[in-house]
Amino acid sequence: METYYNSSEEMKIENSTVVKEFILLGLTQSRNIQFLVFVLILIFYLTILPGNFLVILTIRSDPGLTAPLYFFLSNMAFLDASYSFIVAPRMLMDFLSEKKVISYRGCITQLFFLHFLGGGEGLLLVVMAFDRYIAICRPLHYSTVMNPRACYALLLALWLGGFVHSIIQVALILHLPFCGPNELDNFFCDVPQVIKLACTDTFVVELLMVFNSGLMTLLCFLGLLASYAVILCRIRGSSSEGKNKALSTCTTHVIIILIMFGPAIFIYTRPFRTLPVDKVVSFFHTVIIPLLNPVIYTLRNQKVKSAMRRLLHRHVVC
């Protein structure tokens, strides 16, 4: 009887210490900096959504923007708009709350969509690089290879790839026991911080995470840079007008690749150790990047800018 009593008591204690929620320590503890960041995020967030939806509406409504490049660009704007819903709104609410708490299920959900949309966007850049390679290096085969059916098939593939990437992350974390502490040293749920709170040895899980996120991100990054290097080598002998147009497009894509993959490589390709700049890099990766993509593309693409001006003039000015 005594053994049974002790074992039942241990079970009660074990069940009572299972983590049901996480406390987010936030970006900073300074009230002045919190207020400044709150205003900054609010401005960015109120700019991200109209900016991305304006890009989508412009491409969808203009008959001159039917090329596969603009089809993928509109999907990138959609992914950026969706990505901005994951972290920014909750972060704004947390700034107004004394206690920043997220449930275990909410944390896993946030983590899933973060990697689902982020992985999909990374694969979208691979698809766009393939599109530019065919357009510049195989122009006679472009209409055959990049037909509408192929574009939709590539779009489906990148969504499936993002889903598989994210579900692996979630599956590995769901098997970890969490019995306390429950403080996440960040302003959102992400893999490195969540793994640190597990009540078990996480060395193997960390290696799997680094392989799934870090190594794949690094390989995609190096592959993309290599593909654009090949493209730039191929356009050296082109005419001046075609060379300048291709160079402008490739330069835009390379800028987006550096902006997107740089923070991801910094976060996920190293062992899960906390560095002072982690939160700054995460803030840039989750809040700033979704705004930069449409801005860079629209400012460097004359056809998109012209179509956007016509759209605004037609529906707003008039």
Protein backbone atom coordinates (compact mmCIF):
# COMPACT_ATOMS: atom_id res chain seq x y z
CA MET A 1 0.00 0.00 0.00
CA GLU A 2 2.81 2.37 0.84
CA THR A 3 4.50 1.71 -2.50
CA TYR A 4 1.24 2.34 -4.33
CA TYR A 5 0.73 5.58 -2.39
CA ASN A 6 4.22 6.82 -3.19
CA SER A 7 3.95 5.97 -6.88
CA SER A 8 0.56 7.66 -7.17
CA GLU A 9 1.92 10.76 -5.45
CA GLU A 10 4.85 10.83 -7.88
CA MET A 11 2.43 10.59 -10.80
CA LYS A 12 0.43 13.51 -9.42
CA ILE A 13 3.56 15.60 -9.05
CA GLU A 14 4.72 14.65 -12.54
CA ASN A 15 1.34 15.51 -14.07
CA SER A 16 1.18 18.81 -12.22
CA THR A 17 4.56 19.92 -13.56
CA VAL A 18 3.77 19.34 -17.23
CA VAL A 19 4.10 22.67 -19.03
CA LYS A 20 0.76 23.96 -20.32
CA GLU A 21 1.98 27.42 -21.33
CA PHE A 22 5.16 29.36 -22.02
CA ILE A 23 6.11 32.80 -20.75
CA LEU A 24 7.71 34.98 -23.43
CA LEU A 25 10.41 37.24 -22.03
CA GLY A 26 10.03 39.54 -25.03
CA LEU A 27 12.43 41.55 -27.12
CA THR A 28 13.57 43.84 -24.30
CA GLN A 29 12.71 44.69 -20.68
CA SER A 30 13.16 48.45 -21.11
CA ARG A 31 9.80 50.26 -21.24
CA ASN A 32 11.18 53.08 -23.41
CA ILE A 33 12.64 50.65 -25.93
CA GLN A 34 9.42 48.60 -25.84
CA PHE A 35 7.39 51.68 -26.74
CA LEU A 36 9.77 52.56 -29.57
CA VAL A 37 9.70 49.00 -30.93
CA PHE A 38 5.89 48.92 -30.61
CA VAL A 39 5.54 52.05 -32.75
CA LEU A 40 8.10 50.72 -35.25
CA ILE A 41 6.35 47.34 -35.59
CA LEU A 42 2.94 49.00 -35.93
CA ILE A 43 4.23 51.20 -38.76
CA PHE A 44 5.86 48.25 -40.48
CA TYR A 45 2.82 46.05 -40.04
CA LEU A 46 0.41 48.68 -41.39
CA THR A 47 2.75 49.00 -44.38
CA ILE A 48 3.38 45.29 -44.98
CA LEU A 49 -0.21 44.27 -45.59
CA PRO A 50 -1.26 47.08 -47.99
CA GLY A 51 2.10 46.84 -49.77
CA ASN A 52 1.87 43.11 -50.39
CA PHE A 53 -1.80 43.15 -51.33
CA LEU A 54 -1.13 46.05 -53.70
CA VAL A 55 1.54 43.96 -55.44
CA ILE A 56 -0.89 41.02 -55.73
CA LEU A 57 -3.73 43.20 -57.02
CA THR A 58 -1.47 44.96 -59.52
CA ILE A 59 -0.14 41.71 -61.00
CA ARG A 60 -3.56 40.04 -61.08
CA SER A 61 -5.31 42.98 -62.74
CA ASP A 62 -2.73 44.04 -65.33
CA PRO A 63 -2.78 42.03 -68.61
CA GLY A 64 0.86 42.96 -69.24
CA LEU A 65 2.06 41.06 -66.15
CA THR A 66 1.14 37.52 -67.10
CA ALA A 67 4.66 36.09 -67.37
CA PRO A 68 5.61 33.31 -64.91
CA LEU A 69 7.99 35.71 -63.15
CA TYR A 70 5.07 37.91 -62.06
CA PHE A 71 2.96 34.89 -61.19
CA PHE A 72 5.63 33.78 -58.72
CA LEU A 73 6.12 37.36 -57.51
CA SER A 74 2.43 37.62 -56.58
CA ASN A 75 2.72 34.35 -54.67
CA MET A 76 5.76 35.70 -52.83
CA ALA A 77 3.73 38.76 -51.82
CA PHE A 78 0.97 36.44 -50.56
CA LEU A 79 3.48 34.40 -48.53
CA ASP A 80 4.99 37.57 -47.05
CA ALA A 81 1.54 38.90 -46.08
CA SER A 82 0.65 35.56 -44.49
CA TYR A 83 4.04 35.34 -42.75
CA SER A 84 3.50 38.75 -41.17
CA PHE A 85 0.36 37.42 -39.41
CA ILE A 86 2.35 34.84 -37.42
CA VAL A 87 4.48 37.00 -35.14
CA ALA A 88 3.73 40.73 -35.48
CA PRO A 89 0.08 40.88 -34.23
CA ARG A 90 0.79 38.84 -31.11
CA MET A 91 3.97 40.79 -30.48
CA LEU A 92 1.98 44.04 -30.59
CA MET A 93 -0.54 42.64 -28.08
CA ASP A 94 2.25 41.40 -25.81
CA PHE A 95 3.71 44.90 -25.60
CA LEU A 96 0.40 46.01 -24.04
CA SER A 97 0.28 43.07 -21.59
CA GLU A 98 2.00 42.74 -18.25
CA LYS A 99 2.42 38.97 -18.64
CA LYS A 100 3.33 37.62 -22.05
CA VAL A 101 1.93 34.08 -22.08
CA ILE A 102 1.33 31.65 -24.93
CA SER A 103 -0.22 28.21 -24.54
CA TYR A 104 1.67 25.06 -25.46
CA ARG A 105 -0.66 24.42 -28.40
CA GLY A 106 -0.44 28.04 -29.47
CA CYS A 107 3.35 27.83 -29.37
CA ILE A 108 3.41 24.69 -31.52
CA THR A 109 0.92 26.24 -33.96
CA GLN A 110 3.01 29.39 -34.26
CA LEU A 111 6.15 27.34 -34.81
CA PHE A 112 4.42 25.21 -37.47
CA PHE A 113 3.20 28.12 -39.58
CA LEU A 114 6.46 29.99 -39.16
CA HIS A 115 8.42 27.16 -40.78
CA PHE A 116 5.62 26.20 -43.19
CA LEU A 117 5.47 29.65 -44.80
CA GLY A 118 9.18 30.34 -44.36
CA GLY A 119 10.15 27.03 -45.96
CA GLY A 120 7.68 27.60 -48.77
CA GLU A 121 9.13 31.03 -49.49
CA GLY A 122 12.66 29.66 -49.53
CA LEU A 123 11.61 27.04 -52.08
CA LEU A 124 9.82 29.75 -54.06
CA LEU A 125 13.16 31.52 -54.49
CA VAL A 126 14.55 28.26 -55.89
CA VAL A 127 11.65 28.09 -58.35
CA MET A 128 12.19 31.72 -59.38
CA ALA A 129 15.89 31.03 -59.95
CA PHE A 130 14.92 28.09 -62.18
CA ASP A 131 12.51 30.37 -64.07
CA ARG A 132 15.24 32.97 -64.68
CA TYR A 133 17.70 30.28 -65.78
CA ILE A 134 15.30 28.95 -68.41
CA ALA A 135 14.35 32.48 -69.55
CA ILE A 136 17.94 33.65 -69.98
CA CYS A 137 19.89 30.50 -70.83
CA ARG A 138 17.16 28.57 -72.75
CA PRO A 139 14.94 31.32 -74.20
CA LEU A 140 13.68 29.18 -77.12
CA HIS A 141 12.36 26.54 -74.70
CA TYR A 142 10.96 28.97 -72.16
CA SER A 143 7.30 28.97 -73.27
CA THR A 144 7.35 25.17 -73.43
CA VAL A 145 9.05 24.52 -70.11
CA MET A 146 7.36 27.28 -68.06
CA ASN A 147 3.81 26.73 -69.30
CA PRO A 148 0.87 27.44 -66.94
CA ARG A 149 0.53 23.79 -65.93
CA ALA A 150 4.22 23.61 -65.01
CA CYS A 151 3.95 26.85 -62.99
CA TYR A 152 1.05 25.50 -60.94
CA ALA A 153 2.86 22.18 -60.46
CA LEU A 154 5.95 24.04 -59.15
CA LEU A 155 3.73 26.11 -56.87
CA LEU A 156 2.13 22.96 -55.46
CA ALA A 157 5.56 21.40 -54.97
CA LEU A 158 6.87 24.32 -52.94
CA TRP A 159 3.76 24.32 -50.70
CA LEU A 160 4.20 20.59 -50.11
CA GLY A 161 7.91 21.09 -49.45
CA GLY A 162 7.19 23.78 -46.86
CA PHE A 163 4.61 21.52 -45.20
CA VAL A 164 6.99 18.54 -45.00
CA HIS A 165 9.78 20.73 -43.64
CA SER A 166 7.51 22.18 -40.96
CA ILE A 167 5.82 18.94 -39.94
CA ILE A 168 9.24 17.38 -39.30
CA GLN A 169 10.09 20.24 -36.96
CA VAL A 170 6.81 19.89 -35.08
CA ALA A 171 6.99 16.07 -34.89
CA LEU A 172 10.42 16.20 -33.26
CA ILE A 173 9.31 18.77 -30.68
CA LEU A 174 6.04 16.99 -29.82
CA HIS A 175 8.03 13.99 -28.55
CA LEU A 176 10.00 16.11 -26.08
CA PRO A 177 8.86 16.28 -22.43
CA PHE A 178 8.40 19.76 -20.94
CA CYS A 179 8.15 19.87 -17.16
CA GLY A 180 9.61 23.29 -16.40
CA PRO A 181 10.97 25.93 -16.50
CA ASN A 182 8.65 27.52 -19.04
CA GLU A 183 10.28 30.88 -19.86
CA LEU A 184 11.18 31.41 -23.52
CA ASP A 185 13.93 33.99 -23.98
CA ASN A 186 12.36 35.42 -27.12
CA PHE A 187 9.28 37.28 -28.36
CA PHE A 188 7.87 34.28 -30.26
CA CYS A 189 8.11 30.48 -30.31
CA ASP A 190 10.94 29.07 -32.37
CA VAL A 191 12.83 25.81 -32.41
CA PRO A 192 16.10 26.77 -30.63
CA GLN A 193 14.40 28.35 -27.60
CA VAL A 194 11.70 25.67 -27.23
CA ILE A 195 14.18 22.78 -27.36
CA LYS A 196 16.22 24.30 -24.52
CA LEU A 197 13.26 23.89 -22.15
CA ALA A 198 12.90 20.13 -22.70
CA CYS A 199 13.46 17.90 -19.64
CA THR A 200 15.73 15.47 -21.46
CA ASP A 201 18.94 15.27 -23.44
CA THR A 202 18.26 17.05 -26.74
CA PHE A 203 21.60 16.51 -28.51
CA VAL A 204 20.16 14.15 -31.17
CA VAL A 205 17.09 16.35 -31.67
CA GLU A 206 19.30 19.41 -32.12
CA LEU A 207 21.36 17.61 -34.76
CA LEU A 208 18.19 16.62 -36.61
CA MET A 209 16.90 20.18 -36.41
CA VAL A 210 20.19 21.61 -37.69
CA PHE A 211 20.09 19.12 -40.56
CA ASN A 212 16.45 19.81 -41.41
CA SER A 213 16.61 23.61 -41.14
CA GLY A 214 20.22 24.70 -41.13
CA LEU A 215 21.86 22.39 -43.64
CA MET A 216 18.98 22.56 -46.13
CA THR A 217 18.91 26.36 -45.84
CA LEU A 218 22.66 26.57 -46.43
CA LEU A 219 22.53 24.22 -49.43
CA CYS A 220 19.64 26.16 -50.99
CA PHE A 221 21.52 29.41 -50.41
CA LEU A 222 24.74 28.17 -52.01
CA GLY A 223 22.81 26.55 -54.86
CA LEU A 224 20.94 29.78 -55.59
CA LEU A 225 24.12 31.85 -55.60
CA ALA A 226 25.76 29.32 -57.93
CA SER A 227 22.77 29.36 -60.30
CA TYR A 228 22.79 33.15 -60.57
CA ALA A 229 26.56 33.10 -61.07
CA VAL A 230 26.00 30.78 -64.04
CA ILE A 231 23.28 33.08 -65.38
CA LEU A 232 25.50 36.16 -65.08
CA CYS A 233 28.29 34.36 -66.92
CA ARG A 234 25.89 33.44 -69.72
CA ILE A 235 24.62 37.00 -70.27
CA ARG A 236 28.07 38.52 -70.76
CA GLY A 237 27.81 38.09 -74.51
CA SER A 238 24.22 39.33 -74.79
CA SER A 239 23.12 42.62 -76.30
CA SER A 240 23.34 45.72 -74.13
CA GLU A 241 19.58 46.09 -73.60
CA GLY A 242 18.96 42.40 -72.84
CA LYS A 243 22.05 42.27 -70.65
CA ASN A 244 20.96 45.24 -68.55
CA LYS A 245 17.44 43.84 -68.11
CA ALA A 246 18.68 40.39 -67.09
CA LEU A 247 21.33 41.91 -64.81
CA SER A 248 18.72 44.05 -63.04
CA THR A 249 16.41 41.07 -62.48
CA CYS A 250 19.20 38.81 -61.24
CA THR A 251 20.55 41.52 -58.93
CA THR A 252 17.09 41.92 -57.38
CA HIS A 253 16.80 38.18 -56.80
CA VAL A 254 20.28 37.97 -55.25
CA ILE A 255 19.44 40.83 -52.85
CA ILE A 256 16.28 39.00 -51.74
CA ILE A 257 18.27 35.76 -51.31
CA LEU A 258 20.87 37.46 -49.10
CA ILE A 259 18.19 39.18 -47.01
CA MET A 260 16.11 36.03 -46.54
CA PHE A 261 18.75 33.33 -46.13
CA GLY A 262 21.32 35.34 -44.17
CA PRO A 263 19.37 35.49 -40.86
CA ALA A 264 18.04 31.92 -41.33
CA ILE A 265 21.57 30.55 -41.77
CA PHE A 266 22.76 32.47 -38.70
CA ILE A 267 19.94 31.07 -36.53
CA TYR A 268 19.66 27.46 -37.68
CA THR A 269 23.09 26.31 -38.89
CA ARG A 270 24.90 26.59 -35.55
CA PRO A 271 24.42 24.74 -32.27
CA PHE A 272 21.52 26.07 -30.25
CA ARG A 273 23.46 28.50 -28.09
CA THR A 274 22.15 31.89 -27.08
CA LEU A 275 23.97 34.90 -28.50
CA PRO A 276 23.28 38.57 -27.69
CA VAL A 277 22.26 39.36 -31.28
CA ASP A 278 19.80 36.46 -31.64
CA LYS A 279 16.73 38.55 -30.87
CA VAL A 280 17.80 41.33 -33.24
CA VAL A 281 18.33 38.83 -36.06
CA SER A 282 14.98 37.16 -35.30
CA PHE A 283 13.23 40.55 -35.27
CA PHE A 284 14.73 41.39 -38.64
CA HIS A 285 13.82 37.95 -40.00
CA THR A 286 10.17 37.90 -38.86
CA VAL A 287 9.12 41.56 -39.03
CA ILE A 288 11.35 43.50 -41.44
CA ILE A 289 11.88 40.98 -44.25
CA PRO A 290 8.17 40.62 -45.20
CA LEU A 291 8.17 44.35 -45.96
CA LEU A 292 11.46 44.46 -47.84
CA ASN A 293 10.58 41.86 -50.47
CA PRO A 294 7.73 43.74 -52.21
CA VAL A 295 9.53 47.07 -51.78
CA ILE A 296 12.71 45.80 -53.45
CA TYR A 297 10.84 44.10 -56.29
CA THR A 298 8.56 47.05 -57.04
CA LEU A 299 11.32 49.64 -56.84
CA ARG A 300 13.59 47.67 -59.19
CA ASN A 301 10.95 46.50 -61.67
CA GLN A 302 9.80 49.19 -64.08
CA LYS A 303 6.86 47.19 -65.43
CA VAL A 304 5.45 46.58 -61.96
CA LYS A 305 5.89 50.23 -60.99
CA SER A 306 4.16 51.41 -64.16
CA ALA A 307 1.28 48.96 -63.68
CA MET A 308 0.95 50.03 -60.04
CA ARG A 309 0.76 53.70 -61.02
CA ARG A 310 -1.93 52.93 -63.60
CA LEU A 311 -3.91 50.94 -61.04
CA LEU A 312 -3.72 53.68 -58.40
CA HIS A 313 -4.57 56.36 -60.93
CA ARG A 314 -7.55 54.37 -62.21
CA HIS A 315 -9.06 53.41 -58.86
CA VAL A 316 -7.82 56.03 -56.40
CA VAL A 317 -7.05 59.30 -58.19
CA CYS A 318 -9.99 59.17 -60.54
